[in-house]
PDB file of N, CA and C in Angstrom:
ATOM      1  N   UNK A   1     105.076  90.495 101.181  1.00  0.00           N
ATOM      2  CA  UNK A   1     105.025  90.483 102.516  1.00  0.00           C
ATOM      3  C   UNK A   1     103.756  89.970 103.001  1.00  0.00           C
ATOM      4  N   UNK A   2     102.642  90.595 102.352  1.00  0.00           N
ATOM      5  CA  UNK A   2     101.346  90.282 102.662  1.00  0.00           C
ATOM      6  C   UNK A   2     100.540  89.182 102.021  1.00  0.00           C
ATOM      7  N   UNK A   3      99.294  89.130 102.474  1.00  0.00           N
ATOM      8  CA  UNK A   3      98.686  88.048 101.646  1.00  0.00           C
ATOM      9  C   UNK A   3      97.334  88.830 101.059  1.00  0.00           C
ATOM     10  N   UNK A   4      96.199  88.676 101.507  1.00  0.00           N
ATOM     11  CA  UNK A   4      95.054  89.228 101.028  1.00  0.00           C
ATOM     12  C   UNK A   4      94.760  90.780 101.119  1.00  0.00           C
ATOM     13  N   UNK A   5      95.436  91.495 101.835  1.00  0.00           N
ATOM     14  CA  UNK A   5      95.506  93.140 102.031  1.00  0.00           C
ATOM     15  C   UNK A   5      96.678  93.656 101.872  1.00  0.00           C
ATOM     16  N   UNK A   6      97.618  93.042 100.999  1.00  0.00           N
ATOM     17  CA  UNK A   6      98.907  93.522 100.639  1.00  0.00           C
ATOM     18  C   UNK A   6      99.138  95.087 100.602  1.00  0.00           C
ATOM     19  N   UNK A   7      98.141  95.434 100.003  1.00  0.00           N
ATOM     20  CA  UNK A   7      97.967  97.043  99.354  1.00  0.00           C
ATOM     21  C   UNK A   7      97.561  98.111 100.438  1.00  0.00           C
ATOM     22  N   UNK A   8      97.298  97.518 101.543  1.00  0.00           N
ATOM     23  CA  UNK A   8      96.688  98.226 102.758  1.00  0.00           C
ATOM     24  C   UNK A   8      98.033  98.853 103.463  1.00  0.00           C
ATOM     25  N   UNK A   9      97.845 100.216 104.004  1.00  0.00           N
ATOM     26  CA  UNK A   9      98.980 100.639 104.884  1.00  0.00           C
ATOM     27  C   UNK A   9      98.792 100.260 106.151  1.00  0.00           C
ATOM     28  N   UNK A  10     100.012  99.896 106.661  1.00  0.00           N
ATOM     29  CA  UNK A  10     100.062  99.505 108.268  1.00  0.00           C
ATOM     30  C   UNK A  10      99.890 100.860 108.823  1.00  0.00           C
ATOM     31  N   UNK A  11      99.424 100.730 110.301  1.00  0.00           N
ATOM     32  CA  UNK A  11      99.603 101.623 111.083  1.00  0.00           C
ATOM     33  C   UNK A  11     101.089 102.182 111.414  1.00  0.00           C
ATOM     34  N   UNK A  12     101.299 103.429 111.778  1.00  0.00           N
ATOM     35  CA  UNK A  12     102.532 103.996 111.833  1.00  0.00           C
ATOM     36  C   UNK A  12     103.351 103.221 113.014  1.00  0.00           C
ATOM     37  N   UNK A  13     102.749 102.799 113.869  1.00  0.00           N
ATOM     38  CA  UNK A  13     103.256 101.987 114.846  1.00  0.00           C
ATOM     39  C   UNK A  13     103.200 100.511 114.964  1.00  0.00           C
ATOM     40  N   UNK A  14     102.712 100.147 113.743  1.00  0.00           N
ATOM     41  CA  UNK A  14     102.817  98.501 113.341  1.00  0.00           C
ATOM     42  C   UNK A  14     104.350  97.877 113.654  1.00  0.00           C
ATOM     43  N   UNK A  15     105.242  98.614 112.804  1.00  0.00           N
ATOM     44  CA  UNK A  15     106.805  97.990 112.797  1.00  0.00           C
ATOM     45  C   UNK A  15     107.206  97.983 114.214  1.00  0.00           C
ATOM     46  N   UNK A  16     107.331  99.460 115.085  1.00  0.00           N
ATOM     47  CA  UNK A  16     107.668  99.264 116.408  1.00  0.00           C
ATOM     48  C   UNK A  16     106.803  98.276 117.058  1.00  0.00           C
ATOM     49  N   UNK A  17     105.712  98.143 117.006  1.00  0.00           N
ATOM     50  CA  UNK A  17     104.658  97.105 117.916  1.00  0.00           C
ATOM     51  C   UNK A  17     105.233  95.840 117.693  1.00  0.00           C
ATOM     52  N   UNK A  18     105.529  95.439 116.356  1.00  0.00           N
ATOM     53  CA  UNK A  18     106.052  93.971 115.938  1.00  0.00           C
ATOM     54  C   UNK A  18     107.306  93.928 116.524  1.00  0.00           C
ATOM     55  N   UNK A  19     108.271  94.701 116.611  1.00  0.00           N
ATOM     56  CA  UNK A  19     109.691  94.524 117.213  1.00  0.00           C
ATOM     57  C   UNK A  19     109.572  94.334 118.609  1.00  0.00           C
ATOM     58  N   UNK A  20     108.635  94.866 119.176  1.00  0.00           N
ATOM     59  CA  UNK A  20     108.305  94.775 120.610  1.00  0.00           C
ATOM     60  C   UNK A  20     107.950  93.468 120.860  1.00  0.00           C
ATOM     61  N   UNK A  21     106.960  92.963 120.197  1.00  0.00           N
ATOM     62  CA  UNK A  21     106.439  91.547 120.229  1.00  0.00           C
ATOM     63  C   UNK A  21     107.467  90.871 120.243  1.00  0.00           C
ATOM     64  N   UNK A  22     108.358  90.861 119.284  1.00  0.00           N
ATOM     65  CA  UNK A  22     109.573  89.774 118.820  1.00  0.00           C
ATOM     66  C   UNK A  22     110.589  89.931 120.115  1.00  0.00           C
ATOM     67  N   UNK A  23     110.869  90.940 120.736  1.00  0.00           N
ATOM     68  CA  UNK A  23     111.807  91.320 121.797  1.00  0.00           C
ATOM     69  C   UNK A  23     111.289  90.611 123.070  1.00  0.00           C
ATOM     70  N   UNK A  24     109.815  90.560 123.062  1.00  0.00           N
ATOM     71  CA  UNK A  24     109.290  89.856 124.310  1.00  0.00           C
ATOM     72  C   UNK A  24     108.637  88.763 124.239  1.00  0.00           C
ATOM     73  N   UNK A  25     108.916  88.113 122.879  1.00  0.00           N
ATOM     74  CA  UNK A  25     108.634  86.731 122.544  1.00  0.00           C
ATOM     75  C   UNK A  25     107.237  86.292 122.843  1.00  0.00           C
ATOM     76  N   UNK A  26     106.237  87.405 122.838  1.00  0.00           N
ATOM     77  CA  UNK A  26     104.931  87.007 122.785  1.00  0.00           C
ATOM     78  C   UNK A  26     104.053  88.433 122.484  1.00  0.00           C
ATOM     79  N   UNK A  27     103.000  88.232 122.008  1.00  0.00           N
ATOM     80  CA  UNK A  27     101.969  89.430 121.491  1.00  0.00           C
ATOM     81  C   UNK A  27     100.786  89.408 122.240  1.00  0.00           C
ATOM     82  N   UNK A  28     100.155  90.523 122.467  1.00  0.00           N
ATOM     83  CA  UNK A  28      98.852  90.739 123.024  1.00  0.00           C
ATOM     84  C   UNK A  28      98.435  92.007 122.889  1.00  0.00           C
ATOM     85  N   UNK A  29      97.120  92.450 122.944  1.00  0.00           N
ATOM     86  CA  UNK A  29      96.658  93.499 122.744  1.00  0.00           C
ATOM     87  C   UNK A  29      97.135  94.486 123.969  1.00  0.00           C
ATOM     88  N   UNK A  30      96.961  93.898 125.050  1.00  0.00           N
ATOM     89  CA  UNK A  30      97.069  94.555 126.537  1.00  0.00           C
ATOM     90  C   UNK A  30      98.579  95.207 126.355  1.00  0.00           C
ATOM     91  N   UNK A  31      99.457  94.315 125.759  1.00  0.00           N
ATOM     92  CA  UNK A  31     101.087  94.575 125.875  1.00  0.00           C
ATOM     93  C   UNK A  31     101.232  95.936 124.906  1.00  0.00           C
ATOM     94  N   UNK A  32     100.542  95.585 123.715  1.00  0.00           N
ATOM     95  CA  UNK A  32     100.594  97.017 122.625  1.00  0.00           C
ATOM     96  C   UNK A  32     100.005  98.222 123.408  1.00  0.00           C
ATOM     97  N   UNK A  33      98.947  98.121 124.087  1.00  0.00           N
ATOM     98  CA  UNK A  33      98.225  99.183 124.560  1.00  0.00           C
ATOM     99  C   UNK A  33      99.101  99.886 125.754  1.00  0.00           C
ATOM    100  N   UNK A  34      99.773  99.133 126.617  1.00  0.00           N
ATOM    101  CA  UNK A  34     100.668  99.497 127.791  1.00  0.00           C
ATOM    102  C   UNK A  34     101.709 100.116 127.159  1.00  0.00           C
ATOM    103  N   UNK A  35     102.371  99.540 126.252  1.00  0.00           N
ATOM    104  CA  UNK A  35     103.666  99.976 125.758  1.00  0.00           C
ATOM    105  C   UNK A  35     103.555 101.432 124.889  1.00  0.00           C
ATOM    106  N   UNK A  36     102.863 101.427 123.918  1.00  0.00           N
ATOM    107  CA  UNK A  36     102.628 102.369 123.025  1.00  0.00           C
ATOM    108  C   UNK A  36     101.572 103.313 123.796  1.00  0.00           C
ATOM    109  N   UNK A  37     100.899 103.347 124.837  1.00  0.00           N
ATOM    110  CA  UNK A  37      99.822 103.957 125.218  1.00  0.00           C
ATOM    111  C   UNK A  37      98.637 104.354 124.095  1.00  0.00           C
ATOM    112  N   UNK A  38      97.907 103.257 123.801  1.00  0.00           N
ATOM    113  CA  UNK A  38      97.033 103.194 122.752  1.00  0.00           C
ATOM    114  C   UNK A  38      95.703 102.666 123.439  1.00  0.00           C
ATOM    115  N   UNK A  39      94.671 102.893 122.851  1.00  0.00           N
ATOM    116  CA  UNK A  39      93.515 102.317 122.964  1.00  0.00           C
ATOM    117  C   UNK A  39      93.170 101.179 122.464  1.00  0.00           C
ATOM    118  N   UNK A  40      92.306 100.335 123.018  1.00  0.00           N
ATOM    119  CA  UNK A  40      91.928  98.838 122.643  1.00  0.00           C
ATOM    120  C   UNK A  40      91.643  98.825 121.035  1.00  0.00           C
ATOM    121  N   UNK A  41      91.024  99.758 120.627  1.00  0.00           N
ATOM    122  CA  UNK A  41      90.589  99.501 118.957  1.00  0.00           C
ATOM    123  C   UNK A  41      92.027  99.295 118.176  1.00  0.00           C
ATOM    124  N   UNK A  42      92.878 100.434 118.529  1.00  0.00           N
ATOM    125  CA  UNK A  42      93.880 100.451 117.831  1.00  0.00           C
ATOM    126  C   UNK A  42      94.965  99.489 117.966  1.00  0.00           C
ATOM    127  N   UNK A  43      95.274  99.053 119.184  1.00  0.00           N
ATOM    128  CA  UNK A  43      96.085  97.919 119.358  1.00  0.00           C
ATOM    129  C   UNK A  43      95.481  96.745 118.938  1.00  0.00           C
ATOM    130  N   UNK A  44      94.335  96.415 118.973  1.00  0.00           N
ATOM    131  CA  UNK A  44      93.524  95.084 118.208  1.00  0.00           C
ATOM    132  C   UNK A  44      93.864  95.191 116.937  1.00  0.00           C
ATOM    133  N   UNK A  45      93.588  96.442 116.301  1.00  0.00           N
ATOM    134  CA  UNK A  45      93.825  96.449 114.690  1.00  0.00           C
ATOM    135  C   UNK A  45      95.195  96.210 114.379  1.00  0.00           C
ATOM    136  N   UNK A  46      96.360  96.481 115.175  1.00  0.00           N
ATOM    137  CA  UNK A  46      97.610  96.310 114.924  1.00  0.00           C
ATOM    138  C   UNK A  46      97.954  94.751 114.968  1.00  0.00           C
ATOM    139  N   UNK A  47      97.175  94.174 116.347  1.00  0.00           N
ATOM    140  CA  UNK A  47      97.547  92.847 116.460  1.00  0.00           C
ATOM    141  C   UNK A  47      96.877  91.771 115.330  1.00  0.00           C
ATOM    142  N   UNK A  48      95.768  92.302 114.948  1.00  0.00           N
ATOM    143  CA  UNK A  48      95.014  91.809 113.848  1.00  0.00           C
ATOM    144  C   UNK A  48      95.814  91.649 112.612  1.00  0.00           C
ATOM    145  N   UNK A  49      96.526  92.881 112.348  1.00  0.00           N
ATOM    146  CA  UNK A  49      97.280  92.945 111.071  1.00  0.00           C
ATOM    147  C   UNK A  49      98.291  91.978 110.898  1.00  0.00           C
ATOM    148  N   UNK A  50      98.991  91.917 112.371  1.00  0.00           N
ATOM    149  CA  UNK A  50     100.163  90.988 112.519  1.00  0.00           C
ATOM    150  C   UNK A  50      99.924  89.460 112.280  1.00  0.00           C
ATOM    151  N   UNK A  51      98.755  89.304 112.733  1.00  0.00           N
ATOM    152  CA  UNK A  51      98.000  87.826 112.452  1.00  0.00           C
ATOM    153  C   UNK A  51      97.885  87.511 110.979  1.00  0.00           C
ATOM    154  N   UNK A  52      97.320  88.523 110.396  1.00  0.00           N
ATOM    155  CA  UNK A  52      96.685  88.429 109.035  1.00  0.00           C
ATOM    156  C   UNK A  52      98.115  87.974 108.112  1.00  0.00           C
ATOM    157  N   UNK A  53      99.261  88.758 108.617  1.00  0.00           N
ATOM    158  CA  UNK A  53     100.547  88.683 107.733  1.00  0.00           C
ATOM    159  C   UNK A  53     101.340  87.394 108.295  1.00  0.00           C
ATOM    160  N   UNK A  54     100.795  86.705 109.391  1.00  0.00           N
ATOM    161  CA  UNK A  54     101.604  85.458 109.891  1.00  0.00           C
ATOM    162  C   UNK A  54     102.618  85.781 110.606  1.00  0.00           C
ATOM    163  N   UNK A  55     102.681  86.884 111.300  1.00  0.00           N
ATOM    164  CA  UNK A  55     103.910  87.219 112.196  1.00  0.00           C
ATOM    165  C   UNK A  55     103.528  86.581 113.564  1.00  0.00           C
ATOM    166  N   UNK A  56     102.326  86.460 113.778  1.00  0.00           N
ATOM    167  CA  UNK A  56     101.880  85.986 115.121  1.00  0.00           C
ATOM    168  C   UNK A  56     100.887  84.734 115.221  1.00  0.00           C
ATOM    169  N   UNK A  57     100.657  84.160 116.027  1.00  0.00           N
ATOM    170  CA  UNK A  57      99.843  83.000 115.854  1.00  0.00           C
ATOM    171  C   UNK A  57      98.270  83.522 116.124  1.00  0.00           C
ATOM    172  N   UNK A  58      97.509  82.726 115.577  1.00  0.00           N
ATOM    173  CA  UNK A  58      96.043  83.038 116.113  1.00  0.00           C
ATOM    174  C   UNK A  58      95.819  83.138 117.569  1.00  0.00           C
ATOM    175  N   UNK A  59      94.700  83.856 118.057  1.00  0.00           N
ATOM    176  CA  UNK A  59      94.316  83.878 119.395  1.00  0.00           C
ATOM    177  C   UNK A  59      94.032  82.196 119.815  1.00  0.00           C
ATOM    178  N   UNK A  60      94.394  82.141 121.164  1.00  0.00           N
ATOM    179  CA  UNK A  60      94.279  80.481 121.806  1.00  0.00           C
ATOM    180  C   UNK A  60      93.548  81.023 123.285  1.00  0.00           C
ATOM    181  N   UNK A  61      92.559  81.202 123.373  1.00  0.00           N
ATOM    182  CA  UNK A  61      91.860  81.640 124.507  1.00  0.00           C
ATOM    183  C   UNK A  61      92.498  82.984 125.115  1.00  0.00           C
ATOM    184  N   UNK A  62      92.808  82.927 126.539  1.00  0.00           N
ATOM    185  CA  UNK A  62      93.352  84.265 127.251  1.00  0.00           C
ATOM    186  C   UNK A  62      95.022  84.355 127.017  1.00  0.00           C
ATOM    187  N   UNK A  63      95.577  83.354 126.449  1.00  0.00           N
ATOM    188  CA  UNK A  63      96.973  83.281 126.239  1.00  0.00           C
ATOM    189  C   UNK A  63      97.589  84.424 125.344  1.00  0.00           C
ATOM    190  N   UNK A  64      98.691  84.882 125.661  1.00  0.00           N
ATOM    191  CA  UNK A  64      99.504  85.587 124.638  1.00  0.00           C
ATOM    192  C   UNK A  64      99.636  84.950 123.387  1.00  0.00           C
ATOM    193  N   UNK A  65      99.827  85.584 122.128  1.00  0.00           N
ATOM    194  CA  UNK A  65     100.052  84.924 121.119  1.00  0.00           C
ATOM    195  C   UNK A  65     101.592  84.720 120.789  1.00  0.00           C
ATOM    196  N   UNK A  66     101.669  83.741 120.310  1.00  0.00           N
ATOM    197  CA  UNK A  66     103.420  83.206 119.851  1.00  0.00           C
ATOM    198  C   UNK A  66     103.623  84.159 118.710  1.00  0.00           C
ATOM    199  N   UNK A  67     104.920  84.458 118.752  1.00  0.00           N
ATOM    200  CA  UNK A  67     105.734  85.313 117.660  1.00  0.00           C
ATOM    201  C   UNK A  67     106.119  84.361 116.686  1.00  0.00           C
ATOM    202  N   UNK A  68     105.736  84.134 115.323  1.00  0.00           N
ATOM    203  CA  UNK A  68     106.101  83.365 114.462  1.00  0.00           C
ATOM    204  C   UNK A  68     107.323  84.106 113.271  1.00  0.00           C
ATOM    205  N   UNK A  69     107.811  85.157 113.687  1.00  0.00           N
ATOM    206  CA  UNK A  69     108.912  85.791 112.856  1.00  0.00           C
ATOM    207  C   UNK A  69     110.205  86.027 114.000  1.00  0.00           C
ATOM    208  N   UNK A  70     111.242  85.656 113.172  1.00  0.00           N
ATOM    209  CA  UNK A  70     112.535  85.934 114.015  1.00  0.00           C
ATOM    210  C   UNK A  70     113.070  87.569 114.013  1.00  0.00           C
ATOM    211  N   UNK A  71     114.051  87.930 114.709  1.00  0.00           N
ATOM    212  CA  UNK A  71     114.580  89.530 114.641  1.00  0.00           C
ATOM    213  C   UNK A  71     115.134  89.377 113.202  1.00  0.00           C
ATOM    214  N   UNK A  72     115.953  88.387 112.873  1.00  0.00           N
ATOM    215  CA  UNK A  72     116.421  88.357 111.550  1.00  0.00           C
ATOM    216  C   UNK A  72     115.652  88.553 110.482  1.00  0.00           C
ATOM    217  N   UNK A  73     114.400  87.883 110.379  1.00  0.00           N
ATOM    218  CA  UNK A  73     113.532  87.934 109.504  1.00  0.00           C
ATOM    219  C   UNK A  73     112.844  89.434 109.446  1.00  0.00           C
ATOM    220  N   UNK A  74     112.672  89.960 110.573  1.00  0.00           N
ATOM    221  CA  UNK A  74     112.081  91.324 110.800  1.00  0.00           C
ATOM    222  C   UNK A  74     112.976  92.318 110.161  1.00  0.00           C
ATOM    223  N   UNK A  75     114.394  92.107 110.468  1.00  0.00           N
ATOM    224  CA  UNK A  75     115.384  93.123 109.875  1.00  0.00           C
ATOM    225  C   UNK A  75     115.407  92.894 108.435  1.00  0.00           C
ATOM    226  N   UNK A  76     115.139  91.776 107.927  1.00  0.00           N
ATOM    227  CA  UNK A  76     115.181  91.790 106.462  1.00  0.00           C
ATOM    228  C   UNK A  76     113.995  92.431 105.591  1.00  0.00           C
ATOM    229  N   UNK A  77     112.865  92.250 106.490  1.00  0.00           N
ATOM    230  CA  UNK A  77     111.590  93.057 105.880  1.00  0.00           C
ATOM    231  C   UNK A  77     111.484  94.400 106.098  1.00  0.00           C
ATOM    232  N   UNK A  78     112.071  94.806 107.287  1.00  0.00           N
ATOM    233  CA  UNK A  78     111.835  96.212 107.709  1.00  0.00           C
ATOM    234  C   UNK A  78     112.927  96.973 107.810  1.00  0.00           C
ATOM    235  N   UNK A  79     114.261  96.159 107.709  1.00  0.00           N
ATOM    236  CA  UNK A  79     115.473  97.081 108.151  1.00  0.00           C
ATOM    237  C   UNK A  79     115.672  97.192 109.590  1.00  0.00           C
ATOM    238  N   UNK A  80     117.042  97.255 109.743  1.00  0.00           N
ATOM    239  CA  UNK A  80     117.607  97.582 110.979  1.00  0.00           C
ATOM    240  C   UNK A  80     117.332  98.991 111.672  1.00  0.00           C
ATOM    241  N   UNK A  81     117.309  99.188 112.849  1.00  0.00           N
ATOM    242  CA  UNK A  81     116.994 100.514 113.726  1.00  0.00           C
ATOM    243  C   UNK A  81     118.273 101.423 113.084  1.00  0.00           C
TER     244      UNK A  81
END
């Protein structure tokens, strides 16, 4: 699944946060903060991990990031609810 940090553990909210981004068709630190009641640093780390694994696009100014993974791909990697 991963690239250079594939042996690192994900945050326990990584999978639910990724699913939230897929459902909303965008990803941002502020959305993760609001939805999961997290601080900036933790939400930022989750977004950074998503980008490193190519699940979301790199930052483009102040715009939300594009989600690069489909719900079908998500379910293959992480299973369905």
